[in-house]
Amino acid sequence: MPLNTGMLLIWISFASCLGAVIYGIWHYLSRNEKMRLASRRFEIVNLVASTLAAILLMYYLLDVKAYYLYVFRFSCETFPTLYKISALWAGQEGSLFLWAWSTLICVALLRMRTGRIGEITRVVGLTVAAVFLLLLTIRSPFALIYGVGSQGQLLSTNIDILATPSPMIESHFAQGMNPLLRNPWMVVHPPIVFFGYAAAVIPFGAALAHLLIGDKRWTEIAEPWSRVTWLFLTLGIGIGGFWAYEVLGWGAWYWGWDPVETSSLIPWVVMTAYLHTQFRMKRYREYRLLAPALALLSFVLVIFATFVTRSGLWSSQHGFATSLEGNVIGVFLFGMILVCTAILILKILSDTNDPKQQKKIKLQ
């Protein structure tokens, strides 16, 4: 009996990530050390399962297992190896998977950080990864083609891990990705952008932890990761601009104010502002509320940029068609805005009622 191992790994990764979040929150509320250890174990299972899924998907793309719908659409026998590798992030499912996997790697690097603020940051990162993994259970990169309809449409399943692949779909039928994506920049641009997006969750989580528990050590986590985020976003925007100029032209201008391109610039601007306020906060004790607020806003705008790309509401050369994933990301974005706004308001009210803290806040 065949088994869709990749789909099973995605489900294991989502379930273990959700378990890590639940036990992490339980540890935060109860201070029970056993809950923290359970959360860590689930995190390890999650990272291992997602890494195995990434390796397996790469193997399918390189070997052109065309009975997987994602492979059928984005890989091809005639592609050079680098284009087959870049097919991993050529579609919605693959790019979301790359983002989720990169987020898990960033969170794993926080294992060296102990203390309550490190735990809260870790749980926030795992929560974001869990949302993306949930989307991958809805629309999996391991969806299997099990037949062909009467009108020639491909019949696939995202749920049945025991489905038998259609014998009619052979590797030479794979159509490959959009010709506009068959470019050397495709090999480096998306991984750089998505790692920058993934790294942005760490300053976000650290700022959230600071606002919740008032731990001033949050900058020890946020400062290096915000610089990594800024570096990767800068490289991603620059390389993306050269790629768009080369392929699309846009009237001989480097920047075309495309909605998706512009939405990726906004988090970079806010992250730049955050780096300046962080410097002033450390040296001159200024912007004690504005700095964490900008760290929150930068990641919220990263999710907004993703919503612009995947919702289909804006016409763009970079965008995807309207999809369920875009709707889920929109709900997630709305929820993040509500939570961040509520926490900031509570922090402001708390500092207002505390005369000592009120004197320390300096917004310029």
Protein backbone atom coordinates (compact mmCIF):
# COMPACT_ATOMS: atom_id res chain seq x y z
CA MET A 1 0.00 0.00 0.00
CA PRO A 2 1.56 3.39 -1.01
CA LEU A 3 2.11 6.05 1.65
CA ASN A 4 2.46 9.76 0.96
CA THR A 5 5.39 10.26 3.33
CA GLY A 6 5.75 13.96 2.58
CA MET A 7 2.14 14.74 3.43
CA LEU A 8 2.47 12.72 6.64
CA LEU A 9 5.59 14.69 7.61
CA ILE A 10 3.74 17.98 7.06
CA TRP A 11 0.95 16.82 9.39
CA ILE A 12 3.47 15.64 12.01
CA SER A 13 5.29 18.96 11.75
CA PHE A 14 2.08 20.96 12.23
CA ALA A 15 0.84 18.80 15.13
CA SER A 16 4.20 18.93 16.93
CA CYS A 17 4.50 22.68 16.38
CA LEU A 18 1.02 23.18 17.81
CA GLY A 19 2.00 20.97 20.76
CA ALA A 20 5.14 23.04 21.34
CA VAL A 21 3.04 26.24 21.39
CA ILE A 22 0.41 24.81 23.77
CA TYR A 23 2.97 23.48 26.24
CA GLY A 24 5.00 26.68 25.93
CA ILE A 25 1.97 28.79 26.88
CA TRP A 26 1.22 26.33 29.69
CA HIS A 27 4.76 26.81 31.00
CA TYR A 28 4.38 30.60 30.82
CA LEU A 29 1.19 30.47 32.88
CA SER A 30 2.16 27.77 35.38
CA ARG A 31 5.98 28.04 35.56
CA ASN A 32 5.99 24.24 35.46
CA GLU A 33 9.40 23.08 34.25
CA LYS A 34 7.91 19.84 32.87
CA MET A 35 5.79 21.89 30.46
CA ARG A 36 8.87 23.68 29.18
CA LEU A 37 10.67 20.39 28.57
CA ALA A 38 7.60 18.98 26.79
CA SER A 39 7.47 22.09 24.58
CA ARG A 40 11.15 21.68 23.71
CA ARG A 41 10.66 18.03 22.78
CA PHE A 42 7.74 18.89 20.49
CA GLU A 43 9.88 21.62 18.92
CA ILE A 44 12.64 19.11 18.14
CA VAL A 45 10.13 16.71 16.55
CA ASN A 46 8.73 19.63 14.56
CA LEU A 47 12.13 20.73 13.24
CA VAL A 48 13.17 17.18 12.33
CA ALA A 49 9.87 16.44 10.54
CA SER A 50 9.94 19.70 8.56
CA THR A 51 13.60 19.21 7.62
CA LEU A 52 12.89 15.69 6.37
CA ALA A 53 9.91 17.05 4.41
CA ALA A 54 12.16 19.70 2.81
CA ILE A 55 14.74 17.08 1.83
CA LEU A 56 12.03 14.82 0.43
CA LEU A 57 10.42 17.61 -1.60
CA MET A 58 13.81 18.58 -3.01
CA TYR A 59 14.41 14.98 -4.02
CA TYR A 60 11.02 14.81 -5.79
CA LEU A 61 11.79 18.03 -7.67
CA LEU A 62 15.25 16.88 -8.74
CA ASP A 63 13.96 13.47 -9.80
CA VAL A 64 10.81 15.04 -11.36
CA LYS A 65 8.21 12.88 -9.61
CA ALA A 66 5.48 14.41 -11.73
CA TYR A 67 2.59 12.62 -10.01
CA TYR A 68 2.98 15.19 -7.24
CA LEU A 69 1.02 18.24 -8.34
CA TYR A 70 3.63 20.74 -7.13
CA VAL A 71 6.41 18.91 -8.96
CA PHE A 72 4.24 18.68 -12.09
CA ARG A 73 3.68 22.45 -12.09
CA PHE A 74 7.16 23.71 -11.23
CA SER A 75 9.83 21.14 -12.19
CA CYS A 76 10.76 19.73 -15.57
CA GLU A 77 13.13 17.09 -16.99
CA THR A 78 14.82 19.64 -19.24
CA PHE A 79 15.59 22.10 -16.43
CA PRO A 80 19.18 22.49 -15.25
CA THR A 81 19.73 21.42 -11.64
CA LEU A 82 19.68 24.97 -10.25
CA TYR A 83 16.23 25.62 -11.72
CA LYS A 84 14.96 22.35 -10.27
CA ILE A 85 16.26 23.46 -6.88
CA SER A 86 14.63 26.89 -7.22
CA ALA A 87 11.33 25.17 -7.99
CA LEU A 88 11.15 24.50 -4.24
CA TRP A 89 10.07 28.12 -3.67
CA ALA A 90 8.48 28.85 -7.07
CA GLY A 91 4.86 28.31 -5.96
CA GLN A 92 2.63 29.31 -3.06
CA GLU A 93 3.00 26.02 -1.22
CA GLY A 94 6.77 25.85 -1.62
CA SER A 95 7.40 29.46 -0.63
CA LEU A 96 5.21 29.13 2.46
CA PHE A 97 7.04 25.95 3.37
CA LEU A 98 10.40 27.70 2.95
CA TRP A 99 9.20 30.54 5.21
CA ALA A 100 7.89 28.13 7.86
CA TRP A 101 11.09 26.07 7.78
CA SER A 102 13.28 29.20 7.99
CA THR A 103 11.22 30.40 10.98
CA LEU A 104 11.77 27.07 12.74
CA ILE A 105 15.52 27.34 12.11
CA CYS A 106 15.59 30.86 13.57
CA VAL A 107 13.63 29.70 16.62
CA ALA A 108 15.97 26.73 17.06
CA LEU A 109 18.92 29.12 17.24
CA LEU A 110 17.25 30.71 20.29
CA ARG A 111 17.79 27.51 22.28
CA MET A 112 20.96 29.10 23.62
CA ARG A 113 18.81 31.81 25.19
CA THR A 114 17.52 31.00 28.65
CA GLY A 115 15.11 32.89 30.84
CA ARG A 116 11.51 33.85 30.54
CA ILE A 117 11.95 36.38 27.76
CA GLY A 118 13.70 33.80 25.58
CA GLU A 119 10.88 31.32 26.16
CA ILE A 120 8.20 33.85 25.21
CA THR A 121 10.12 34.78 22.05
CA ARG A 122 10.42 31.09 21.16
CA VAL A 123 6.69 30.46 21.62
CA VAL A 124 5.80 33.51 19.50
CA GLY A 125 8.03 32.24 16.69
CA LEU A 126 6.53 28.75 16.91
CA THR A 127 3.02 30.25 16.78
CA VAL A 128 3.83 32.00 13.51
CA ALA A 129 5.35 28.79 12.11
CA ALA A 130 2.24 26.85 13.18
CA VAL A 131 0.02 29.18 11.15
CA PHE A 132 2.10 28.59 8.01
CA LEU A 133 2.17 24.82 8.62
CA LEU A 134 -1.61 24.89 9.00
CA LEU A 135 -1.81 26.46 5.54
CA LEU A 136 0.39 23.65 4.21
CA THR A 137 -2.03 21.04 5.57
CA ILE A 138 -4.80 22.81 3.64
CA ARG A 139 -2.78 23.08 0.44
CA SER A 140 0.18 20.74 0.58
CA PRO A 141 3.25 20.73 -1.67
CA PHE A 142 2.86 16.94 -1.51
CA ALA A 143 -0.63 16.90 -3.05
CA LEU A 144 -0.83 13.70 -5.12
CA ILE A 145 -2.29 13.41 -8.63
CA TYR A 146 -4.44 10.26 -8.54
CA GLY A 147 -6.23 10.61 -11.85
CA VAL A 148 -7.31 12.68 -14.83
CA GLY A 149 -10.86 14.01 -15.20
CA SER A 150 -13.12 13.59 -18.21
CA GLN A 151 -12.15 17.04 -19.48
CA GLY A 152 -8.43 16.52 -18.95
CA GLN A 153 -8.16 18.23 -15.56
CA LEU A 154 -5.80 16.79 -12.99
CA LEU A 155 -7.43 15.20 -9.93
CA SER A 156 -5.35 15.59 -6.76
CA THR A 157 -5.73 15.15 -3.01
CA ASN A 158 -4.24 17.08 -0.08
CA ILE A 159 -5.68 14.74 2.54
CA ASP A 160 -5.49 11.08 1.55
CA ILE A 161 -1.99 9.87 2.47
CA LEU A 162 -2.80 6.41 1.08
CA ALA A 163 -3.87 7.58 -2.40
CA THR A 164 -2.32 5.77 -5.35
CA PRO A 165 -0.52 8.01 -7.90
CA SER A 166 -1.90 8.05 -11.40
CA PRO A 167 0.13 5.82 -13.77
CA MET A 168 -0.73 8.23 -16.61
CA ILE A 169 1.44 11.03 -15.20
CA GLU A 170 5.06 10.45 -16.19
CA SER A 171 8.05 12.69 -15.58
CA HIS A 172 8.24 14.02 -19.13
CA PHE A 173 4.72 15.47 -18.75
CA ALA A 174 5.87 17.94 -16.06
CA GLN A 175 5.33 21.47 -17.35
CA GLY A 176 7.82 23.46 -15.25
CA MET A 177 7.52 26.91 -13.71
CA ASN A 178 6.55 30.16 -15.41
CA PRO A 179 9.17 31.26 -17.98
CA LEU A 180 9.59 34.57 -16.11
CA LEU A 181 10.85 32.58 -13.11
CA ARG A 182 13.47 30.71 -15.14
CA ASN A 183 16.17 33.16 -14.22
CA PRO A 184 19.41 32.90 -12.21
CA TRP A 185 18.05 35.48 -9.74
CA MET A 186 15.32 32.96 -8.86
CA VAL A 187 17.93 30.78 -7.20
CA VAL A 188 18.96 33.40 -4.61
CA HIS A 189 16.26 36.08 -4.33
CA PRO A 190 13.34 34.19 -2.67
CA PRO A 191 15.48 32.36 -0.04
CA ILE A 192 17.06 35.66 0.99
CA VAL A 193 13.69 37.41 1.26
CA PHE A 194 12.02 34.59 3.18
CA PHE A 195 14.90 34.22 5.61
CA GLY A 196 14.65 37.97 6.25
CA TYR A 197 10.93 37.58 6.87
CA ALA A 198 11.56 34.62 9.16
CA ALA A 199 14.26 36.44 11.14
CA ALA A 200 11.88 39.39 11.71
CA VAL A 201 9.78 37.23 14.05
CA ILE A 202 12.58 37.18 16.65
CA PRO A 203 12.67 40.97 17.35
CA PHE A 204 8.87 40.87 17.21
CA GLY A 205 8.70 38.13 19.84
CA ALA A 206 11.33 39.78 22.04
CA ALA A 207 9.47 43.13 21.92
CA LEU A 208 6.21 41.38 22.75
CA ALA A 209 7.88 39.65 25.70
CA HIS A 210 9.27 42.97 26.93
CA LEU A 211 5.85 44.61 26.84
CA LEU A 212 4.30 41.66 28.68
CA ILE A 213 6.82 41.16 31.49
CA GLY A 214 8.95 44.33 31.40
CA ASP A 215 12.29 42.55 30.95
CA LYS A 216 14.84 45.07 29.70
CA ARG A 217 17.10 42.32 28.34
CA TRP A 218 14.88 42.02 25.29
CA THR A 219 17.38 44.05 23.27
CA GLU A 220 19.99 41.30 23.77
CA ILE A 221 17.80 39.15 21.55
CA ALA A 222 16.25 41.80 19.34
CA GLU A 223 19.39 43.76 18.44
CA PRO A 224 21.41 41.08 16.57
CA TRP A 225 18.32 39.59 14.93
CA SER A 226 17.04 42.98 13.77
CA ARG A 227 20.37 43.59 12.05
CA VAL A 228 20.17 40.18 10.37
CA THR A 229 16.60 40.97 9.29
CA TRP A 230 17.59 44.37 7.91
CA LEU A 231 20.54 42.88 6.00
CA PHE A 232 18.49 40.15 4.34
CA LEU A 233 15.59 42.48 3.52
CA THR A 234 18.04 44.95 1.97
CA LEU A 235 19.63 42.25 -0.16
CA GLY A 236 16.21 40.85 -1.11
CA ILE A 237 14.81 44.21 -2.20
CA GLY A 238 17.96 45.09 -4.13
CA ILE A 239 18.22 41.75 -5.94
CA GLY A 240 14.47 41.72 -6.60
CA GLY A 241 14.69 45.17 -8.16
CA PHE A 242 17.51 44.11 -10.50
CA TRP A 243 15.56 40.98 -11.44
CA ALA A 244 12.38 42.93 -12.18
CA TYR A 245 14.33 45.50 -14.17
CA GLU A 246 15.98 42.77 -16.23
CA VAL A 247 12.80 40.76 -16.94
CA LEU A 248 10.01 43.36 -16.91
CA GLY A 249 11.83 46.53 -17.91
CA TRP A 250 9.34 48.99 -16.43
CA GLY A 251 10.36 51.78 -18.77
CA ALA A 252 14.11 51.60 -17.96
CA TRP A 253 13.50 52.37 -14.27
CA TYR A 254 14.93 50.19 -11.48
CA TRP A 255 11.85 50.67 -9.28
CA GLY A 256 8.33 50.30 -10.71
CA TRP A 257 6.17 50.87 -7.59
CA ASP A 258 4.58 47.48 -8.14
CA PRO A 259 2.20 46.78 -5.19
CA VAL A 260 4.09 43.67 -4.04
CA GLU A 261 7.48 45.29 -4.48
CA THR A 262 6.34 48.37 -2.57
CA SER A 263 4.77 46.32 0.23
CA SER A 264 8.14 44.61 0.78
CA LEU A 265 9.82 48.02 1.08
CA ILE A 266 7.57 49.22 3.93
CA PRO A 267 8.83 46.70 6.55
CA TRP A 268 12.40 47.62 5.58
CA VAL A 269 11.68 51.31 6.24
CA VAL A 270 10.14 50.52 9.64
CA MET A 271 13.00 48.15 10.54
CA THR A 272 15.47 50.90 9.65
CA ALA A 273 13.61 53.30 11.95
CA TYR A 274 13.63 50.64 14.68
CA LEU A 275 17.41 50.21 14.44
CA HIS A 276 17.86 53.96 14.96
CA THR A 277 15.48 54.08 17.94
CA GLN A 278 17.17 51.02 19.42
CA PHE A 279 20.53 52.80 19.30
CA ARG A 280 19.07 55.90 20.97
CA MET A 281 17.33 53.78 23.58
CA LYS A 282 20.52 51.95 24.58
CA ARG A 283 22.77 55.01 24.66
CA TYR A 284 20.44 57.81 25.76
CA ARG A 285 17.51 55.88 27.29
CA GLU A 286 15.06 57.37 24.80
CA TYR A 287 12.17 55.82 22.87
CA ARG A 288 11.48 53.12 25.46
CA LEU A 289 7.99 52.61 24.11
CA LEU A 290 8.54 53.57 20.49
CA ALA A 291 11.38 51.05 19.99
CA PRO A 292 9.35 47.92 20.88
CA ALA A 293 6.35 49.36 19.02
CA LEU A 294 8.43 49.63 15.84
CA ALA A 295 9.74 46.08 16.31
CA LEU A 296 6.12 44.88 16.47
CA LEU A 297 5.08 46.99 13.50
CA SER A 298 7.93 45.75 11.30
CA PHE A 299 6.77 42.12 11.53
CA VAL A 300 3.09 43.05 11.23
CA LEU A 301 4.03 44.77 7.96
CA VAL A 302 5.89 41.63 6.85
CA ILE A 303 2.61 39.72 7.23
CA PHE A 304 0.82 42.57 5.43
CA ALA A 305 3.29 42.27 2.52
CA THR A 306 2.51 38.54 2.39
CA PHE A 307 -1.21 39.31 2.37
CA VAL A 308 -0.73 41.75 -0.52
CA THR A 309 1.15 39.07 -2.46
CA ARG A 310 -1.25 36.19 -1.83
CA SER A 311 -4.68 37.77 -1.51
CA GLY A 312 -5.05 38.68 -5.19
CA LEU A 313 -6.64 42.02 -4.21
CA TRP A 314 -3.89 44.02 -5.91
CA SER A 315 -2.84 43.53 -9.50
CA SER A 316 0.86 42.72 -9.57
CA GLN A 317 3.46 40.91 -11.62
CA HIS A 318 4.60 39.24 -8.39
CA GLY A 319 1.21 38.29 -6.94
CA PHE A 320 -0.71 35.04 -6.78
CA ALA A 321 -4.36 34.54 -7.66
CA THR A 322 -7.01 34.83 -4.95
CA SER A 323 -6.77 31.82 -2.67
CA LEU A 324 -7.86 30.40 0.67
CA GLU A 325 -4.32 30.93 1.94
CA GLY A 326 -4.67 34.67 1.34
CA ASN A 327 -7.89 34.75 3.37
CA VAL A 328 -6.28 32.88 6.27
CA ILE A 329 -3.28 35.21 6.23
CA GLY A 330 -5.69 38.16 6.24
CA VAL A 331 -7.40 36.82 9.38
CA PHE A 332 -4.00 36.19 10.97
CA LEU A 333 -2.92 39.76 10.12
CA PHE A 334 -6.10 41.19 11.67
CA GLY A 335 -5.56 39.11 14.81
CA MET A 336 -1.95 40.27 15.12
CA ILE A 337 -3.00 43.91 14.81
CA LEU A 338 -5.59 43.49 17.57
CA VAL A 339 -3.20 41.69 19.92
CA CYS A 340 -0.33 44.12 19.39
CA THR A 341 -2.61 47.14 19.78
CA ALA A 342 -4.12 45.76 22.99
CA ILE A 343 -0.69 45.03 24.51
CA LEU A 344 0.61 48.48 23.61
CA ILE A 345 -2.46 50.17 25.11
CA LEU A 346 -2.11 48.17 28.32
CA LYS A 347 1.57 49.10 28.50
CA ILE A 348 0.80 52.79 28.00
CA LEU A 349 -1.91 52.71 30.67
CA SER A 350 0.43 50.88 33.05
CA ASP A 351 3.21 53.43 32.57
CA THR A 352 0.75 56.32 32.86
CA ASN A 353 -0.35 55.08 36.27
CA ASP A 354 3.27 54.68 37.38
CA PRO A 355 4.90 58.12 37.97
CA LYS A 356 8.41 56.68 37.84
CA GLN A 357 7.84 55.02 34.48
CA GLN A 358 6.05 58.06 33.11
CA LYS A 359 9.16 60.19 33.58
CA LYS A 360 11.29 57.64 31.73
CA ILE A 361 9.17 57.50 28.58
CA LYS A 362 10.42 59.91 26.00
CA LEU A 363 8.87 59.94 22.56
CA GLN A 364 10.41 62.27 20.03
